[in-house]
Amino acid sequence: MGPSLFQVKKIWHYRFQIHGARVQRTTGEASKRKAELIAARAYDDAQLATRGMEPIPVLRELVQQWLKVHESTVSDSHLRGMEQFGRLHLYDLADLRLDQITTALVEAARVSHLDSHAPSTANHWARLLRLVFKWAVRRKLIAEVPWILKPLKVQKKPRAMLPARQALDWLDAIDAQQRPAISRAIRLMLGLGLREVEARTAQWEWIDWERRTYTPGRTKGREAVPVPMPDWLLHYLAPLCASSGLIVANRRGHGFAAGFTSRYIKAANAMTGVEGLTPHRLRGTFATMLSEAGVPVQTIQRVLRHKSVLTTIGYLEVDIEQAVRGQDQVARKLGFHRDDGSVRSGEDG
C-alpha cells in the first residue's frame, strides 16, 4: 500500500508502512500535487532502503554529487561547465528522479534549451546530461540510461586559424602591447599546443633543455607527455630562463586568472586583420599545422594529450591548398596534363 496524504492546517503530510514500520513526515508543501510527488519518492526510497539499495536521486542532486566527487579530479573549465549546467540548464528535469526521466521529457528539455540558445550548443548540453547519467549507471543508482536522444545535425563552419603568412606580424602585434608575460604565454600556446590554463601554470623546471622537450605537469587529462620544443621557442625562452617557478607570471609573481590572454589576442587580431582567433584556436592552429607537415594523427593525439583520436581529428581544419595540390596530382595521373603544361578537358584527344 502506498503513502496516504493528510493536511495539518495548509501543509500536506504523508504516512505509510514498510515491513510493519510506520513512517510519517511533512512534505512542507501546500500544493497537493507537489506533496504527492514528495510522498511517492519517500515511499520508493524507503522500499529501496529495506533492500539495502541507495535511493535514486533527482537530477539536480545527481549533478551536485558529481561536482563534489570530481572537484579535485577534473579541470576548472569542466567544473564550471557542469556547475552552470546544473544551475541553469536542467529545465523541467531538475526535480525528477533519474528513473522518471524519459526520452520524451529529455526532448522537451532540449526544446526549452533551444528557446534561448544556439542549435550548436544543444549537442553539448545532451553530452553533459548523458555524462551524469552514465556516472549514475557506474554507481549502480540505475541499471541503464533511460532515454535515447539523437544529436541535432548542425551546419559546421570553418573555425579560425592563425594564417602562417601572418604569424610573425600577428606575434609582433602581441609584443607591441608590451606585456612580456602575455607574449610568453601565447608563444607556449602556439609553439607547444598548450591550453591557456596549461600556459598559465607552466613551470621553468618542466623544460628539459638538454633533450629539448617540455613536459606539462598540470594538464586537463592528468597526462604528462613530453612535447618536443621547436628551435624558435627555445631561442625565445633561453634568455628569460629561471631555475624554477612560473614561466608566465604577473607583475607580483603570481599566476594569471582564466581568460587572461583573450583581450590581447583580440587586439592583435584587429591590428593584423586576423578574424575570430581565440586562445583555444591557437591549439587548433598548432594541431592543424602538424597535420599539414605530415605528422600522423596518432602522434598529434599524444602531443595534445587527447584520450581519443576522434577528439584530435575534431581539432584539425581542412587545408584547401593541400587539397588543390592533391587534385593536381590526381589530374596528372589521369592524363589531363599535357607535356607542354596545358590541360586537357577530357573531350579533346
Protein backbone atom coordinates (compact mmCIF):
# COMPACT_ATOMS: atom_id res chain seq x y z
CA MET A 1 0.00 0.00 0.00
CA GLY A 2 1.35 3.39 -0.97
CA PRO A 3 1.51 6.62 1.03
CA SER A 4 -1.59 8.48 2.15
CA LEU A 5 -1.84 12.26 2.49
CA PHE A 6 -3.44 14.37 5.18
CA GLN A 7 -3.41 18.09 5.94
CA VAL A 8 -2.32 19.91 9.06
CA LYS A 9 -3.59 23.44 8.57
CA LYS A 10 -2.48 24.19 4.99
CA ILE A 11 0.52 21.85 4.83
CA TRP A 12 0.27 18.30 3.47
CA HIS A 13 1.79 15.38 5.37
CA TYR A 14 2.16 11.73 4.41
CA ARG A 15 2.21 8.38 6.15
CA PHE A 16 2.89 4.80 5.08
CA GLN A 17 4.07 1.48 6.46
CA ILE A 18 7.13 -0.52 5.34
CA HIS A 19 7.55 -4.02 6.81
CA GLY A 20 5.48 -3.08 9.83
CA ALA A 21 7.32 0.18 10.48
CA ARG A 22 5.21 3.31 10.31
CA VAL A 23 6.65 6.40 8.60
CA GLN A 24 5.05 9.83 8.94
CA ARG A 25 6.53 13.08 7.68
CA THR A 26 5.58 16.54 6.50
CA THR A 27 6.06 17.43 2.83
CA GLY A 28 6.38 21.13 3.62
CA GLU A 29 4.09 21.81 0.66
CA ALA A 30 0.69 23.48 0.44
CA SER A 31 0.25 22.14 -3.11
CA LYS A 32 -1.29 18.66 -3.11
CA ARG A 33 0.32 17.78 -6.45
CA LYS A 34 3.82 18.59 -5.18
CA ALA A 35 3.06 16.80 -1.91
CA GLU A 36 2.03 13.66 -3.83
CA LEU A 37 5.36 13.63 -5.67
CA ILE A 38 7.34 14.05 -2.43
CA ALA A 39 5.37 11.31 -0.71
CA ALA A 40 5.77 8.91 -3.65
CA ARG A 41 9.51 9.49 -3.71
CA ALA A 42 9.82 8.97 0.05
CA TYR A 43 7.90 5.68 -0.26
CA ASP A 44 10.10 4.45 -3.12
CA ASP A 45 13.28 5.43 -1.24
CA ALA A 46 12.07 3.56 1.83
CA GLN A 47 11.44 0.44 -0.24
CA LEU A 48 14.95 0.65 -1.71
CA ALA A 49 16.46 1.13 1.74
CA THR A 50 14.81 -2.04 3.04
CA ARG A 51 16.57 -3.93 0.22
CA GLY A 52 19.92 -2.34 1.07
CA MET A 53 19.89 -0.16 -2.05
CA GLU A 54 20.82 3.52 -2.35
CA PRO A 55 17.87 5.84 -3.05
CA ILE A 56 17.63 7.17 -6.61
CA PRO A 57 18.38 10.93 -6.57
CA VAL A 58 16.67 13.61 -8.59
CA LEU A 59 18.75 15.06 -11.41
CA ARG A 60 19.63 18.25 -9.52
CA GLU A 61 21.02 16.16 -6.63
CA LEU A 62 22.96 13.93 -9.01
CA VAL A 63 24.73 16.91 -10.61
CA GLN A 64 25.67 18.23 -7.16
CA GLN A 65 27.03 14.80 -6.19
CA TRP A 66 29.05 14.66 -9.43
CA LEU A 67 30.55 18.09 -8.76
CA LYS A 68 31.52 17.14 -5.20
CA VAL A 69 33.18 13.87 -6.26
CA HIS A 70 35.03 15.37 -9.25
CA GLU A 71 36.08 18.77 -7.88
CA SER A 72 39.70 17.68 -7.47
CA THR A 73 40.00 15.39 -10.50
CA VAL A 74 38.74 17.37 -13.50
CA SER A 75 39.74 20.72 -14.97
CA ASP A 76 38.39 24.04 -13.70
CA SER A 77 36.67 24.68 -17.04
CA HIS A 78 34.93 21.29 -16.89
CA LEU A 79 33.73 22.01 -13.35
CA ARG A 80 32.45 25.45 -14.35
CA GLY A 81 30.60 23.99 -17.31
CA MET A 82 28.93 21.30 -15.20
CA GLU A 83 28.10 23.75 -12.42
CA GLN A 84 26.42 26.07 -14.93
CA PHE A 85 24.60 23.10 -16.49
CA GLY A 86 23.22 22.08 -13.09
CA ARG A 87 22.30 25.62 -12.09
CA LEU A 88 20.72 26.90 -15.30
CA HIS A 89 20.04 24.15 -17.81
CA LEU A 90 18.16 21.27 -16.18
CA TYR A 91 14.78 22.81 -17.03
CA ASP A 92 11.80 20.59 -16.08
CA LEU A 93 14.11 17.63 -15.45
CA ALA A 94 15.69 19.14 -12.33
CA ASP A 95 13.40 17.67 -9.67
CA LEU A 96 12.65 14.35 -11.35
CA ARG A 97 14.20 11.10 -10.17
CA LEU A 98 16.57 9.59 -12.70
CA ASP A 99 14.30 6.63 -13.39
CA GLN A 100 11.41 9.01 -14.14
CA ILE A 101 13.26 10.83 -16.93
CA THR A 102 12.17 9.55 -20.34
CA THR A 103 13.15 10.28 -23.93
CA ALA A 104 10.07 12.46 -24.36
CA LEU A 105 10.99 14.55 -21.31
CA VAL A 106 14.61 14.97 -22.47
CA GLU A 107 13.41 16.03 -25.93
CA ALA A 108 11.12 18.61 -24.30
CA ALA A 109 14.02 19.89 -22.19
CA ARG A 110 16.15 20.25 -25.32
CA VAL A 111 13.38 22.32 -26.90
CA SER A 112 13.47 24.57 -23.82
CA HIS A 113 17.23 24.88 -24.23
CA LEU A 114 16.86 25.86 -27.89
CA ASP A 115 14.42 28.64 -26.95
CA SER A 116 17.35 30.69 -25.64
CA HIS A 117 20.48 29.05 -27.06
CA ALA A 118 22.01 28.43 -30.46
CA PRO A 119 21.44 24.97 -32.01
CA SER A 120 25.20 24.37 -31.93
CA THR A 121 25.06 24.22 -28.09
CA ALA A 122 22.28 21.61 -27.89
CA ASN A 123 24.53 18.64 -28.57
CA HIS A 124 26.96 19.75 -25.85
CA TRP A 125 24.00 20.08 -23.46
CA ALA A 126 22.99 16.50 -24.28
CA ARG A 127 26.57 15.25 -23.76
CA LEU A 128 26.66 16.71 -20.24
CA LEU A 129 23.30 15.13 -19.45
CA ARG A 130 24.47 11.74 -20.73
CA LEU A 131 27.73 12.08 -18.78
CA VAL A 132 25.99 12.36 -15.39
CA PHE A 133 23.55 9.57 -16.27
CA LYS A 134 26.40 7.22 -17.22
CA TRP A 135 28.08 8.11 -13.94
CA ALA A 136 24.84 7.11 -12.17
CA VAL A 137 24.90 3.78 -14.02
CA ARG A 138 28.50 3.15 -12.87
CA ARG A 139 27.44 3.87 -9.31
CA LYS A 140 24.55 1.39 -9.80
CA LEU A 141 21.94 4.01 -8.95
CA ILE A 142 20.14 2.98 -12.15
CA ALA A 143 20.58 -0.03 -14.43
CA GLU A 144 20.88 1.93 -17.67
CA VAL A 145 20.36 5.37 -19.17
CA PRO A 146 16.54 5.51 -19.54
CA TRP A 147 16.46 7.79 -22.57
CA ILE A 148 17.82 7.98 -26.11
CA LEU A 149 18.45 11.27 -27.90
CA LYS A 150 19.81 11.64 -31.40
CA PRO A 151 22.24 14.55 -31.90
CA LEU A 152 21.00 17.51 -33.88
CA LYS A 153 22.50 17.98 -37.31
CA VAL A 154 24.25 21.33 -37.13
CA GLN A 155 25.91 23.10 -40.05
CA LYS A 156 29.60 23.24 -39.22
CA LYS A 157 31.57 26.35 -40.07
CA PRO A 158 35.34 26.56 -40.60
CA ARG A 159 36.98 27.61 -37.37
CA ALA A 160 39.53 30.37 -37.13
CA MET A 161 43.23 29.64 -37.51
CA LEU A 162 46.30 31.81 -37.46
CA PRO A 163 47.36 32.04 -41.12
CA ALA A 164 51.00 31.01 -41.49
CA ARG A 165 51.80 34.00 -43.68
CA GLN A 166 50.56 36.37 -40.94
CA ALA A 167 52.04 34.59 -37.94
CA LEU A 168 55.08 36.85 -37.45
CA ASP A 169 53.09 40.05 -37.94
CA TRP A 170 50.48 38.77 -35.50
CA LEU A 171 53.12 37.95 -32.87
CA ASP A 172 54.60 41.43 -33.40
CA ALA A 173 51.14 42.83 -32.64
CA ILE A 174 51.06 40.80 -29.42
CA ASP A 175 54.52 42.09 -28.44
CA ALA A 176 53.52 45.68 -29.27
CA GLN A 177 51.12 45.59 -26.33
CA GLN A 178 54.18 45.45 -24.05
CA ARG A 179 53.11 42.62 -21.76
CA PRO A 180 56.06 40.20 -21.76
CA ALA A 181 54.20 37.56 -19.75
CA ILE A 182 51.39 37.54 -22.31
CA SER A 183 53.91 37.22 -25.15
CA ARG A 184 55.45 34.21 -23.39
CA ALA A 185 52.08 32.55 -22.77
CA ILE A 186 50.94 32.95 -26.36
CA ARG A 187 54.18 31.51 -27.73
CA LEU A 188 53.78 28.50 -25.43
CA MET A 189 50.22 28.00 -26.72
CA LEU A 190 51.23 28.35 -30.36
CA GLY A 191 54.54 26.50 -30.19
CA LEU A 192 53.53 23.61 -27.92
CA GLY A 193 49.76 23.44 -28.36
CA LEU A 194 49.15 24.20 -24.69
CA ARG A 195 45.73 25.11 -23.42
CA GLU A 196 45.57 28.55 -21.83
CA VAL A 197 45.27 27.00 -18.35
CA GLU A 198 48.40 24.93 -19.06
CA ALA A 199 50.30 28.01 -20.19
CA ARG A 200 49.41 29.97 -17.05
CA THR A 201 50.59 27.11 -14.81
CA ALA A 202 53.73 26.29 -16.86
CA GLN A 203 56.94 25.92 -14.81
CA TRP A 204 60.54 26.51 -15.84
CA GLU A 205 61.61 23.21 -14.28
CA TRP A 206 59.32 21.33 -16.70
CA ILE A 207 61.64 22.28 -19.59
CA ASP A 208 64.38 19.75 -20.35
CA TRP A 209 66.91 21.96 -22.14
CA GLU A 210 69.20 19.05 -22.95
CA ARG A 211 66.50 16.89 -24.53
CA ARG A 212 64.72 19.98 -25.89
CA THR A 213 61.33 18.87 -24.53
CA TYR A 214 58.61 20.28 -22.30
CA THR A 215 56.57 18.01 -20.02
CA PRO A 216 53.38 19.67 -18.72
CA GLY A 217 52.98 18.94 -15.03
CA ARG A 218 49.34 20.02 -14.84
CA THR A 219 47.04 19.03 -17.68
CA LYS A 220 43.33 18.55 -18.22
CA GLY A 221 43.67 14.79 -18.61
CA ARG A 222 46.35 14.43 -15.90
CA GLU A 223 48.76 13.01 -18.50
CA ALA A 224 52.42 14.07 -18.53
CA VAL A 225 53.66 13.53 -22.08
CA PRO A 226 56.93 15.19 -23.21
CA VAL A 227 56.39 17.62 -26.08
CA PRO A 228 59.30 18.48 -28.42
CA MET A 229 60.17 22.17 -28.28
CA PRO A 230 60.81 23.93 -31.59
CA ASP A 231 64.10 25.79 -32.01
CA TRP A 232 62.40 29.18 -32.33
CA LEU A 233 60.66 28.74 -28.95
CA LEU A 234 63.82 27.54 -27.21
CA HIS A 235 65.70 30.53 -28.64
CA TYR A 236 62.96 32.89 -27.40
CA LEU A 237 62.81 31.44 -23.86
CA ALA A 238 66.53 30.84 -23.23
CA PRO A 239 67.44 34.46 -22.23
CA LEU A 240 64.44 34.55 -19.87
CA CYS A 241 65.12 31.21 -18.18
CA ALA A 242 64.90 30.80 -14.41
CA SER A 243 65.74 27.71 -12.37
CA SER A 244 62.17 27.25 -11.19
CA GLY A 245 58.80 28.94 -10.84
CA LEU A 246 56.12 30.12 -13.22
CA ILE A 247 57.11 30.84 -16.80
CA VAL A 248 54.09 33.12 -17.09
CA ALA A 249 53.53 35.34 -14.05
CA ASN A 250 52.02 38.75 -13.39
CA ARG A 251 53.99 41.71 -12.03
CA ARG A 252 53.66 40.36 -8.48
CA GLY A 253 54.99 36.98 -9.49
CA HIS A 254 51.62 35.25 -9.23
CA GLY A 255 49.68 33.27 -11.82
CA PHE A 256 47.03 34.85 -14.03
CA ALA A 257 43.28 34.23 -13.89
CA ALA A 258 41.47 32.23 -16.58
CA GLY A 259 40.95 34.13 -19.83
CA PHE A 260 43.99 36.36 -19.31
CA THR A 261 45.14 36.23 -22.96
CA SER A 262 41.78 36.94 -24.63
CA ARG A 263 41.90 40.75 -24.76
CA TYR A 264 45.44 40.77 -26.14
CA ILE A 265 44.57 38.21 -28.82
CA LYS A 266 41.54 40.26 -29.85
CA ALA A 267 43.69 43.37 -30.09
CA ALA A 268 46.30 41.58 -32.21
CA ASN A 269 43.52 40.24 -34.45
CA ALA A 270 42.25 43.78 -35.02
CA MET A 271 45.75 45.11 -35.78
CA THR A 272 46.54 42.40 -38.33
CA GLY A 273 43.14 41.62 -39.85
CA VAL A 274 43.02 38.05 -38.47
CA GLU A 275 39.40 37.08 -37.87
CA GLY A 276 37.97 35.13 -34.96
CA LEU A 277 41.18 33.74 -33.47
CA THR A 278 40.76 32.74 -29.80
CA PRO A 279 43.14 31.30 -27.19
CA HIS A 280 41.93 27.76 -27.83
CA ARG A 281 42.18 28.13 -31.60
CA LEU A 282 45.93 28.63 -31.17
CA ARG A 283 45.89 24.99 -30.06
CA GLY A 284 43.85 24.12 -33.15
CA THR A 285 46.35 26.02 -35.32
CA PHE A 286 49.20 24.03 -33.76
CA ALA A 287 47.44 20.71 -34.41
CA THR A 288 46.46 21.56 -37.98
CA MET A 289 49.97 22.71 -38.90
CA LEU A 290 51.43 19.47 -37.55
CA SER A 291 48.95 17.56 -39.72
CA GLU A 292 49.86 19.64 -42.77
CA ALA A 293 53.52 18.86 -42.11
CA GLY A 294 52.72 15.15 -42.42
CA VAL A 295 52.69 14.22 -38.72
CA PRO A 296 50.40 11.16 -38.17
CA VAL A 297 47.19 11.91 -36.30
CA GLN A 298 48.10 9.36 -33.59
CA THR A 299 51.27 11.34 -32.84
CA ILE A 300 49.32 14.60 -32.74
CA GLN A 301 46.91 12.91 -30.32
CA ARG A 302 49.78 12.12 -27.96
CA VAL A 303 51.23 15.62 -28.19
CA LEU A 304 47.82 17.20 -27.48
CA ARG A 305 47.22 14.65 -24.69
CA HIS A 306 43.81 13.59 -26.00
CA LYS A 307 42.36 10.31 -24.74
CA SER A 308 40.53 9.70 -28.04
CA VAL A 309 41.88 10.20 -31.55
CA LEU A 310 38.39 11.41 -32.53
CA THR A 311 38.92 14.46 -30.30
CA THR A 312 42.16 15.17 -32.13
CA ILE A 313 40.50 14.86 -35.53
CA GLY A 314 37.94 17.42 -34.39
CA TYR A 315 40.77 19.95 -33.91
CA LEU A 316 42.06 19.65 -37.47
CA GLU A 317 40.86 22.03 -40.15
CA VAL A 318 40.81 21.24 -43.86
CA ASP A 319 43.83 22.56 -45.73
CA ILE A 320 42.32 23.76 -49.02
CA GLU A 321 45.72 24.36 -50.60
CA GLN A 322 46.74 20.80 -49.80
CA ALA A 323 43.51 19.56 -51.39
CA VAL A 324 44.29 21.61 -54.53
CA ARG A 325 47.74 20.03 -54.74
CA GLY A 326 46.18 16.61 -54.35
CA GLN A 327 43.66 17.29 -57.10
CA ASP A 328 46.51 18.39 -59.38
CA GLN A 329 48.37 15.12 -58.75
CA VAL A 330 45.21 13.10 -59.49
CA ALA A 331 44.71 15.04 -62.73
CA ARG A 332 48.27 14.22 -63.81
CA LYS A 333 47.76 10.52 -63.12
CA LEU A 334 44.55 10.56 -65.15
CA GLY A 335 46.37 12.19 -68.07
CA PHE A 336 44.66 15.57 -68.06
CA HIS A 337 48.03 17.42 -68.14
CA ARG A 338 49.92 17.60 -71.45
CA ASP A 339 53.72 17.62 -71.62
CA ASP A 340 53.70 21.30 -72.59
CA GLY A 341 51.86 22.22 -69.37
CA SER A 342 48.44 22.77 -70.91
CA VAL A 343 45.38 20.96 -69.58
CA ARG A 344 43.05 18.59 -71.40
CA SER A 345 39.32 18.98 -70.87
CA GLY A 346 38.56 15.29 -71.28
CA GLU A 347 36.76 15.93 -74.56
CA ASP A 348 39.79 16.71 -76.73
CA GLY A 349 42.12 14.00 -77.97
